[in-house]
Amino acid sequence: MNSQCYSVAMDLGVCQLRNFSISFLSSLLGTETSSVRLDNSSSGASVVAIDNKIEQAMDLVKSHLMYAVREEVEVLKEQIKELIERNSQLEQENNLLKNLASPEQLAQFQAQVQSGSPPSSTQGAQQPAVAQLSAQNSGPSA
């Protein structure tokens, strides 16, 4: 092993990568290998070490990505649950309003829907409208 390399795993990997790079560049440039010393036994180990580091890095990225995806899935499941509950609540409210509305009010609403004009009441006015319809339909019975 080269005396410039350290015993710390990361430093060893960097040193081996450096030696591999020098060898590779020397072969590409056609320079003499005597000017760049690298024994053949360590070049195979360098390739294996680099491959191991790449594999470890890819595993780390994969685990972080999987964690992030699982976290996002949990958030989306919670949002879906809330939306299903809200949809159910709105369907119940819609059914209540249909049952309490008079035939004239239903006809007026159908005409508005067909003409494409927005309903005359706003969100804030809808709650009193439910109470008003309820009071109209549950008036005193004789």
Protein backbone atom coordinates (compact mmCIF):
# COMPACT_ATOMS: atom_id res chain seq x y z
CA MET A 1 0.00 0.00 0.00
CA ASN A 2 1.15 3.54 -0.66
CA SER A 3 2.76 5.26 2.32
CA GLN A 4 0.71 8.41 1.62
CA CYS A 5 -2.52 6.57 2.39
CA TYR A 6 -4.03 6.73 5.85
CA SER A 7 -5.67 4.02 7.89
CA VAL A 8 -8.98 5.89 8.20
CA ALA A 9 -11.49 4.22 5.87
CA MET A 10 -12.52 7.42 4.07
CA ASP A 11 -8.95 8.60 3.59
CA LEU A 12 -8.01 5.15 2.35
CA GLY A 13 -10.84 5.25 -0.18
CA VAL A 14 -9.82 8.70 -1.38
CA CYS A 15 -6.19 7.60 -1.69
CA GLN A 16 -7.22 4.50 -3.61
CA LEU A 17 -9.44 6.57 -5.88
CA ARG A 18 -6.52 8.93 -6.50
CA ASN A 19 -4.23 6.03 -7.39
CA PHE A 20 -6.87 4.55 -9.69
CA SER A 21 -7.44 7.92 -11.36
CA ILE A 22 -3.71 8.43 -11.93
CA SER A 23 -3.44 4.99 -13.48
CA PHE A 24 -6.48 5.54 -15.68
CA LEU A 25 -5.37 8.98 -16.84
CA SER A 26 -1.86 7.72 -17.53
CA SER A 27 -3.22 5.01 -19.80
CA LEU A 28 -5.43 7.50 -21.61
CA LEU A 29 -2.66 10.02 -22.11
CA GLY A 30 -0.15 7.35 -23.09
CA THR A 31 2.43 8.53 -20.56
CA GLU A 32 4.96 6.13 -19.21
CA THR A 33 3.82 4.22 -16.18
CA SER A 34 7.27 4.51 -14.65
CA SER A 35 6.60 8.18 -13.90
CA VAL A 36 3.38 7.23 -12.12
CA ARG A 37 3.95 4.30 -9.76
CA LEU A 38 1.03 2.04 -9.04
CA ASP A 39 1.39 -1.64 -8.33
CA ASN A 40 -1.17 -3.93 -9.95
CA SER A 41 -2.25 -5.59 -6.71
CA SER A 42 -3.62 -2.36 -5.27
CA SER A 43 -5.44 -1.31 -8.45
CA GLY A 44 -7.84 -4.26 -8.15
CA ALA A 45 -8.41 -3.42 -4.51
CA SER A 46 -9.01 0.22 -5.50
CA VAL A 47 -11.72 -0.76 -7.92
CA VAL A 48 -13.39 -2.97 -5.32
CA ALA A 49 -13.13 -0.23 -2.68
CA ILE A 50 -14.61 2.34 -5.05
CA ASP A 51 -17.41 -0.04 -6.00
CA ASN A 52 -18.14 -0.64 -2.31
CA LYS A 53 -18.23 3.10 -1.59
CA ILE A 54 -20.57 3.69 -4.52
CA GLU A 55 -22.84 0.87 -3.38
CA GLN A 56 -22.90 2.23 0.18
CA ALA A 57 -23.72 5.72 -1.09
CA MET A 58 -26.52 4.36 -3.29
CA ASP A 59 -27.93 2.38 -0.36
CA LEU A 60 -27.87 5.51 1.80
CA VAL A 61 -29.65 7.55 -0.87
CA LYS A 62 -32.19 4.76 -1.33
CA SER A 63 -32.94 4.56 2.39
CA HIS A 64 -33.35 8.35 2.67
CA LEU A 65 -35.60 8.39 -0.37
CA MET A 66 -37.73 5.53 0.93
CA TYR A 67 -38.09 7.31 4.28
CA ALA A 68 -39.19 10.52 2.55
CA VAL A 69 -41.68 8.62 0.38
CA ARG A 70 -43.15 6.79 3.38
CA GLU A 71 -43.51 10.09 5.22
CA GLU A 72 -45.27 11.68 2.24
CA VAL A 73 -47.58 8.67 1.90
CA GLU A 74 -48.62 9.05 5.54
CA VAL A 75 -49.38 12.76 5.02
CA LEU A 76 -51.42 11.99 1.91
CA LYS A 77 -53.35 9.21 3.68
CA GLU A 78 -54.28 11.67 6.43
CA GLN A 79 -55.39 14.26 3.86
CA ILE A 80 -57.50 11.65 2.06
CA LYS A 81 -59.12 10.67 5.35
CA GLU A 82 -59.96 14.31 6.12
CA LEU A 83 -61.35 14.86 2.62
CA ILE A 84 -63.54 11.75 2.85
CA GLU A 85 -64.93 12.99 6.18
CA ARG A 86 -65.55 16.47 4.74
CA ASN A 87 -67.24 14.98 1.66
CA SER A 88 -69.51 12.88 3.85
CA GLN A 89 -70.43 15.92 5.92
CA LEU A 90 -71.24 17.94 2.79
CA GLU A 91 -73.34 15.11 1.36
CA GLN A 92 -75.38 14.96 4.58
CA GLU A 93 -75.84 18.72 4.53
CA ASN A 94 -76.88 18.57 0.87
CA ASN A 95 -79.43 15.85 1.57
CA LEU A 96 -80.81 17.84 4.50
CA LEU A 97 -81.16 20.96 2.36
CA LYS A 98 -82.90 18.97 -0.38
CA ASN A 99 -85.36 17.50 2.12
CA LEU A 100 -86.11 20.85 3.74
CA ALA A 101 -86.39 22.87 0.55
CA SER A 102 -89.78 23.61 -0.94
CA PRO A 103 -90.54 22.54 -4.52
CA GLU A 104 -90.35 26.21 -5.60
CA GLN A 105 -86.89 26.56 -4.08
CA LEU A 106 -85.71 23.37 -5.77
CA ALA A 107 -87.06 24.58 -9.13
CA GLN A 108 -85.32 27.94 -8.67
CA PHE A 109 -82.07 26.17 -7.81
CA GLN A 110 -82.35 23.88 -10.85
CA ALA A 111 -82.92 26.93 -13.06
CA GLN A 112 -79.81 28.60 -11.65
CA VAL A 113 -77.74 25.45 -12.21
CA GLN A 114 -78.94 25.11 -15.81
CA SER A 115 -78.33 28.77 -16.63
CA GLY A 116 -74.87 28.64 -15.08
CA SER A 117 -75.43 31.64 -12.83
CA PRO A 118 -73.98 31.42 -9.33
CA PRO A 119 -76.35 30.84 -6.42
CA SER A 120 -77.62 34.00 -4.82
CA SER A 121 -76.59 33.01 -1.30
CA THR A 122 -73.00 32.98 -0.05
CA GLN A 123 -71.29 30.45 2.22
CA GLY A 124 -71.99 32.56 5.30
CA ALA A 125 -75.67 32.86 4.40
CA GLN A 126 -76.13 29.13 3.90
CA GLN A 127 -76.19 28.25 7.60
CA PRO A 128 -79.07 30.65 8.38
CA ALA A 129 -80.84 29.32 5.27
CA VAL A 130 -80.73 25.80 6.74
CA ALA A 131 -82.20 27.09 10.00
CA GLN A 132 -84.83 29.09 8.08
CA LEU A 133 -85.85 26.09 5.98
CA SER A 134 -85.98 23.95 9.07
CA ALA A 135 -88.20 26.46 10.84
CA GLN A 136 -90.51 26.77 7.80
CA ASN A 137 -91.00 23.03 7.42
CA SER A 138 -91.33 22.21 11.09
CA GLY A 139 -93.83 24.94 11.83
CA PRO A 140 -96.74 24.36 14.18
CA SER A 141 -98.82 21.41 13.14
CA ALA A 142 -102.51 21.46 13.92
